[in-house]
């Protein structure tokens, strides 16, 4: 009987994991892509600002 129960639990767990992936992937993937895109854009802007400071010779002595 324990073998049948083990297969039942494994099947149920696989079904629930598949259902959760099917439900959340269409939501999470665009959010992750958008977050990575914004992070890349910020990195480019910061790099450009630092290059511009070096080009102009701006010094920030504190």
N, C-alpha and C. Protein backbone atom coordinates (compact mmCIF):
# COMPACT_ATOMS: atom_id res chain seq x y z
N UNK A 1 0.82 -1.20 0.00
CA UNK A 1 0.00 0.00 0.00
C UNK A 1 0.86 1.26 0.00
N UNK A 2 2.01 1.20 0.66
CA UNK A 2 2.85 2.38 0.72
C UNK A 2 3.42 2.74 -0.66
N UNK A 3 3.60 1.77 -1.53
CA UNK A 3 4.10 2.05 -2.88
C UNK A 3 3.07 2.83 -3.68
N UNK A 4 1.80 2.44 -3.54
CA UNK A 4 0.73 3.15 -4.24
C UNK A 4 0.62 4.58 -3.72
N UNK A 5 0.73 4.74 -2.41
CA UNK A 5 0.65 6.07 -1.82
C UNK A 5 1.84 6.93 -2.28
N UNK A 6 3.01 6.33 -2.35
CA UNK A 6 4.19 7.07 -2.80
C UNK A 6 4.01 7.56 -4.24
N UNK A 7 3.51 6.67 -5.12
CA UNK A 7 3.26 7.09 -6.50
C UNK A 7 2.18 8.15 -6.59
N UNK A 8 1.15 8.02 -5.75
CA UNK A 8 0.08 9.02 -5.73
C UNK A 8 0.64 10.38 -5.32
N UNK A 9 1.45 10.42 -4.28
CA UNK A 9 2.02 11.68 -3.81
C UNK A 9 2.98 12.28 -4.84
N UNK A 10 3.80 11.44 -5.47
CA UNK A 10 4.71 11.93 -6.50
C UNK A 10 3.94 12.48 -7.70
N UNK A 11 2.88 11.77 -8.10
CA UNK A 11 2.06 12.24 -9.21
C UNK A 11 1.36 13.54 -8.89
N UNK A 12 0.83 13.64 -7.68
CA UNK A 12 0.16 14.87 -7.25
C UNK A 12 1.16 16.03 -7.20
N UNK A 13 2.34 15.77 -6.66
CA UNK A 13 3.36 16.82 -6.58
C UNK A 13 3.78 17.27 -7.98
N UNK A 14 3.96 16.33 -8.89
CA UNK A 14 4.33 16.69 -10.26
C UNK A 14 3.22 17.49 -10.94
N UNK A 15 1.98 17.09 -10.72
CA UNK A 15 0.86 17.83 -11.30
C UNK A 15 0.78 19.25 -10.75
N UNK A 16 0.89 19.40 -9.44
CA UNK A 16 0.82 20.73 -8.83
C UNK A 16 1.99 21.61 -9.26
N UNK A 17 3.19 21.02 -9.36
CA UNK A 17 4.34 21.80 -9.82
C UNK A 17 4.14 22.24 -11.26
N UNK A 18 3.63 21.36 -12.10
CA UNK A 18 3.35 21.74 -13.49
C UNK A 18 2.28 22.82 -13.58
N UNK A 19 1.24 22.70 -12.76
CA UNK A 19 0.19 23.71 -12.78
C UNK A 19 0.70 25.07 -12.31
N UNK A 20 1.57 25.06 -11.29
CA UNK A 20 2.12 26.33 -10.80
C UNK A 20 3.04 26.96 -11.84
N UNK A 21 3.85 26.15 -12.49
CA UNK A 21 4.73 26.67 -13.54
C UNK A 21 3.90 27.23 -14.69
N UNK A 22 2.87 26.49 -15.08
CA UNK A 22 2.00 26.93 -16.18
C UNK A 22 1.30 28.24 -15.83
N UNK A 23 0.96 28.43 -14.56
CA UNK A 23 0.23 29.62 -14.14
C UNK A 23 1.15 30.83 -13.96
N UNK A 24 2.36 30.62 -13.45
CA UNK A 24 3.19 31.76 -13.06
C UNK A 24 4.23 32.17 -14.11
N UNK A 25 4.63 31.28 -14.98
CA UNK A 25 5.66 31.62 -15.97
C UNK A 25 5.21 32.75 -16.89
N UNK A 26 3.97 32.77 -17.40
CA UNK A 26 3.57 33.89 -18.26
C UNK A 26 3.60 35.24 -17.55
N UNK A 27 3.57 35.23 -16.22
CA UNK A 27 3.63 36.47 -15.46
C UNK A 27 5.07 36.81 -15.10
N UNK A 28 5.82 35.81 -14.65
CA UNK A 28 7.16 36.08 -14.14
C UNK A 28 8.18 36.37 -15.24
N UNK A 29 8.08 35.70 -16.37
CA UNK A 29 9.07 35.90 -17.43
C UNK A 29 9.07 37.34 -17.94
N UNK A 30 7.92 37.94 -18.28
CA UNK A 30 7.97 39.35 -18.70
C UNK A 30 8.49 40.29 -17.62
N UNK A 31 8.16 40.00 -16.36
CA UNK A 31 8.67 40.85 -15.28
C UNK A 31 10.18 40.73 -15.19
N UNK A 32 10.72 39.52 -15.30
CA UNK A 32 12.17 39.34 -15.24
C UNK A 32 12.86 39.98 -16.44
N UNK A 33 12.27 39.86 -17.63
CA UNK A 33 12.85 40.49 -18.83
C UNK A 33 12.84 42.00 -18.68
N UNK A 34 11.74 42.55 -18.20
CA UNK A 34 11.65 44.00 -18.01
C UNK A 34 12.66 44.48 -16.97
N UNK A 35 12.80 43.75 -15.88
CA UNK A 35 13.76 44.12 -14.84
C UNK A 35 15.19 44.08 -15.37
N UNK A 36 15.52 43.03 -16.12
CA UNK A 36 16.86 42.94 -16.70
C UNK A 36 17.10 44.05 -17.71
N UNK A 37 16.10 44.38 -18.51
CA UNK A 37 16.24 45.46 -19.48
C UNK A 37 16.46 46.80 -18.83
N UNK A 38 15.69 47.08 -17.79
CA UNK A 38 15.86 48.35 -17.07
C UNK A 38 17.23 48.40 -16.40
N UNK A 39 17.67 47.28 -15.83
CA UNK A 39 19.00 47.24 -15.21
C UNK A 39 20.10 47.47 -16.23
N UNK A 40 19.96 46.90 -17.41
CA UNK A 40 20.94 47.14 -18.47
C UNK A 40 20.95 48.59 -18.92
N UNK A 41 19.77 49.18 -19.04
CA UNK A 41 19.68 50.58 -19.43
C UNK A 41 20.33 51.49 -18.39
N UNK A 42 20.09 51.20 -17.13
CA UNK A 42 20.71 51.99 -16.06
C UNK A 42 22.22 51.84 -16.09
N UNK A 43 22.72 50.64 -16.34
CA UNK A 43 24.16 50.43 -16.41
C UNK A 43 24.77 51.22 -17.56
N UNK A 44 24.09 51.27 -18.69
CA UNK A 44 24.59 52.05 -19.83
C UNK A 44 24.59 53.54 -19.49
N UNK A 45 23.53 54.03 -18.86
CA UNK A 45 23.45 55.45 -18.51
C UNK A 45 24.53 55.83 -17.51
N UNK A 46 24.76 54.98 -16.50
CA UNK A 46 25.80 55.27 -15.51
C UNK A 46 27.17 55.25 -16.16
N UNK A 47 27.41 54.28 -17.03
CA UNK A 47 28.69 54.23 -17.74
C UNK A 47 28.91 55.45 -18.61
N UNK A 48 27.86 55.89 -19.29
CA UNK A 48 27.97 57.09 -20.12
C UNK A 48 28.24 58.32 -19.27
N UNK A 49 27.57 58.43 -18.12
CA UNK A 49 27.78 59.58 -17.24
C UNK A 49 29.21 59.61 -16.71
N UNK A 50 29.74 58.45 -16.35
CA UNK A 50 31.13 58.41 -15.86
C UNK A 50 32.11 58.74 -16.97
N UNK A 51 31.84 58.26 -18.19
CA UNK A 51 32.70 58.59 -19.32
C UNK A 51 32.65 60.09 -19.59
N UNK A 52 31.46 60.67 -19.51
CA UNK A 52 31.30 62.10 -19.75
C UNK A 52 32.05 62.91 -18.70
N UNK A 53 32.01 62.48 -17.43
CA UNK A 53 32.78 63.16 -16.39
C UNK A 53 34.27 63.10 -16.67
N UNK A 54 34.77 61.92 -17.07
CA UNK A 54 36.20 61.81 -17.40
C UNK A 54 36.55 62.67 -18.61
N UNK A 55 35.68 62.71 -19.58
CA UNK A 55 35.92 63.49 -20.80
C UNK A 55 35.98 64.98 -20.48
N UNK A 56 35.11 65.44 -19.62
CA UNK A 56 35.09 66.87 -19.27
C UNK A 56 36.10 67.23 -18.19
N UNK A 57 36.66 66.23 -17.53
CA UNK A 57 37.65 66.50 -16.49
C UNK A 57 37.03 66.96 -15.19
N UNK A 58 35.81 66.56 -14.91
CA UNK A 58 35.13 66.97 -13.68
C UNK A 58 35.71 66.18 -12.52
N UNK A 59 36.02 66.92 -11.44
CA UNK A 59 36.56 66.27 -10.24
C UNK A 59 35.60 66.50 -9.09
N UNK A 60 35.43 65.47 -8.27
CA UNK A 60 34.55 65.55 -7.10
C UNK A 60 35.38 65.34 -5.86
N UNK A 61 36.06 66.36 -5.41
CA UNK A 61 36.87 66.28 -4.18
C UNK A 61 35.98 66.60 -3.00
N UNK A 62 36.00 65.71 -2.03
CA UNK A 62 35.17 65.95 -0.84
C UNK A 62 36.03 66.12 0.38
